Structures are given as C-alpha cells and as structure tokens.
C-alpha atoms as a PDB file:
ATOM      1  CA  UNK A   1       9.882  13.573 -30.074  1.00  0.00           C
ATOM      2  CA  UNK A   2       9.342  16.402 -27.551  1.00  0.00           C
ATOM      3  CA  UNK A   3       8.967  19.929 -28.885  1.00  0.00           C
ATOM      4  CA  UNK A   4      11.104  22.785 -27.675  1.00  0.00           C
ATOM      5  CA  UNK A   5       8.930  25.917 -27.262  1.00  0.00           C
ATOM      6  CA  UNK A   6       9.725  29.365 -26.141  1.00  0.00           C
ATOM      7  CA  UNK A   7       7.019  31.216 -24.182  1.00  0.00           C
ATOM      8  CA  UNK A   8       6.127  34.845 -23.321  1.00  0.00           C
ATOM      9  CA  UNK A   9       4.329  35.795 -20.175  1.00  0.00           C
ATOM     10  CA  UNK A  10       1.939  38.719 -19.590  1.00  0.00           C
ATOM     11  CA  UNK A  11       0.341  39.728 -16.363  1.00  0.00           C
ATOM     12  CA  UNK A  12      -3.239  40.776 -16.084  1.00  0.00           C
ATOM     13  CA  UNK A  13      -6.142  41.076 -13.694  1.00  0.00           C
ATOM     14  CA  UNK A  14      -9.360  39.329 -14.139  1.00  0.00           C
ATOM     15  CA  UNK A  15     -12.415  40.423 -12.308  1.00  0.00           C
ATOM     16  CA  UNK A  16     -15.762  38.841 -11.438  1.00  0.00           C
ATOM     17  CA  UNK A  17     -18.781  39.571  -9.140  1.00  0.00           C
ATOM     18  CA  UNK A  18     -19.054  35.775  -8.635  1.00  0.00           C
ATOM     19  CA  UNK A  19     -15.795  34.098  -7.473  1.00  0.00           C
ATOM     20  CA  UNK A  20     -12.046  34.059  -7.632  1.00  0.00           C
ATOM     21  CA  UNK A  21     -12.293  31.175 -10.109  1.00  0.00           C
ATOM     22  CA  UNK A  22     -14.528  33.120 -12.355  1.00  0.00           C
ATOM     23  CA  UNK A  23     -12.231  36.081 -12.168  1.00  0.00           C
ATOM     24  CA  UNK A  24      -9.359  33.943 -13.448  1.00  0.00           C
ATOM     25  CA  UNK A  25     -11.632  32.473 -16.152  1.00  0.00           C
ATOM     26  CA  UNK A  26     -12.687  35.972 -17.241  1.00  0.00           C
ATOM     27  CA  UNK A  27      -8.955  37.067 -17.471  1.00  0.00           C
ATOM     28  CA  UNK A  28      -8.053  34.085 -19.654  1.00  0.00           C
ATOM     29  CA  UNK A  29     -11.168  34.474 -21.791  1.00  0.00           C
ATOM     30  CA  UNK A  30     -10.297  38.081 -22.449  1.00  0.00           C
ATOM     31  CA  UNK A  31      -6.624  37.412 -23.087  1.00  0.00           C
ATOM     32  CA  UNK A  32      -7.497  34.802 -25.604  1.00  0.00           C
ATOM     33  CA  UNK A  33      -9.370  37.504 -27.828  1.00  0.00           C
ATOM     34  CA  UNK A  34      -5.908  39.092 -28.633  1.00  0.00           C
ATOM     35  CA  UNK A  35      -3.256  36.557 -27.794  1.00  0.00           C
ATOM     36  CA  UNK A  36      -2.605  33.329 -29.761  1.00  0.00           C
ATOM     37  CA  UNK A  37      -1.178  29.983 -28.515  1.00  0.00           C
ATOM     38  CA  UNK A  38      -2.281  30.389 -24.845  1.00  0.00           C
ATOM     39  CA  UNK A  39      -1.004  27.313 -22.919  1.00  0.00           C
ATOM     40  CA  UNK A  40      -1.205  28.062 -19.168  1.00  0.00           C
ATOM     41  CA  UNK A  41      -1.885  30.567 -16.455  1.00  0.00           C
ATOM     42  CA  UNK A  42      -0.528  31.092 -12.951  1.00  0.00           C
ATOM     43  CA  UNK A  43      -2.529  32.800 -10.179  1.00  0.00           C
ATOM     44  CA  UNK A  44      -0.169  35.498  -8.572  1.00  0.00           C
ATOM     45  CA  UNK A  45      -2.578  37.379  -6.218  1.00  0.00           C
ATOM     46  CA  UNK A  46      -6.084  37.173  -5.056  1.00  0.00           C
ATOM     47  CA  UNK A  47      -7.887  40.203  -3.693  1.00  0.00           C
ATOM     48  CA  UNK A  48     -11.316  41.884  -3.790  1.00  0.00           C
ATOM     49  CA  UNK A  49     -13.219  44.963  -3.515  1.00  0.00           C
ATOM     50  CA  UNK A  50     -15.656  45.620  -0.488  1.00  0.00           C
ATOM     51  CA  UNK A  51     -18.820  47.780  -0.810  1.00  0.00           C
ATOM     52  CA  UNK A  52     -21.328  48.389   1.959  1.00  0.00           C
ATOM     53  CA  UNK A  53     -19.529  45.654   4.073  1.00  0.00           C
ATOM     54  CA  UNK A  54     -19.976  42.960   1.466  1.00  0.00           C
ATOM     55  CA  UNK A  55     -17.639  41.482  -1.228  1.00  0.00           C
ATOM     56  CA  UNK A  56     -18.454  43.437  -4.341  1.00  0.00           C
ATOM     57  CA  UNK A  57     -15.847  42.209  -6.723  1.00  0.00           C
ATOM     58  CA  UNK A  58     -13.177  39.350  -6.871  1.00  0.00           C
ATOM     59  CA  UNK A  59      -9.932  40.204  -8.474  1.00  0.00           C
ATOM     60  CA  UNK A  60      -7.201  37.710  -9.518  1.00  0.00           C
ATOM     61  CA  UNK A  61      -3.769  38.771 -10.819  1.00  0.00           C
ATOM     62  CA  UNK A  62      -2.605  36.018 -13.243  1.00  0.00           C
ATOM     63  CA  UNK A  63       0.401  35.406 -15.421  1.00  0.00           C
ATOM     64  CA  UNK A  64      -0.677  33.993 -18.894  1.00  0.00           C
ATOM     65  CA  UNK A  65       1.875  32.102 -20.920  1.00  0.00           C
ATOM     66  CA  UNK A  66       1.650  31.782 -24.647  1.00  0.00           C
ATOM     67  CA  UNK A  67       3.951  30.041 -27.220  1.00  0.00           C
ATOM     68  CA  UNK A  68       5.924  32.345 -29.471  1.00  0.00           C
ATOM     69  CA  UNK A  69       5.534  31.502 -33.170  1.00  0.00           C
ATOM     70  CA  UNK A  70       8.412  30.630 -35.438  1.00  0.00           C
END
C-alpha cells in the first residue's frame, strides 16, 4: 500500500569553489544537519561569483523537500 506523505519545502543556496553539482551537494549536506526526513531537492537557479576574470564560486539555489512527521 502506498504511503500518503506531507512535505515541507525550504529554499537555500549551496556554494562551492568546484562546480554547480558540488554546490548542490554542499547545500543538501548542510540541510541534513538540521532537517530530518530529507527526500528530494530541486535546482531553482544557478549563478556564480567572478573574481579577477575567473569563476571564483558556484552558487545553486535549491528547494529541499522533507517529510513532516506524524
């Protein structure tokens, strides 16, 4: 039998000096320290910071969904 779950979403920005994928991973990793029952994430925006003509930081705005407890 399928479960009926209710979710809450929060938006956050993950950052990385390596890549957009790593920025998303860093955001999820940090969220998991304070939120329980994380089930999914959705990338909303991708942007970065430029310093001295080079990419200095990747930034990913994500929505993270987590199941509400009974």
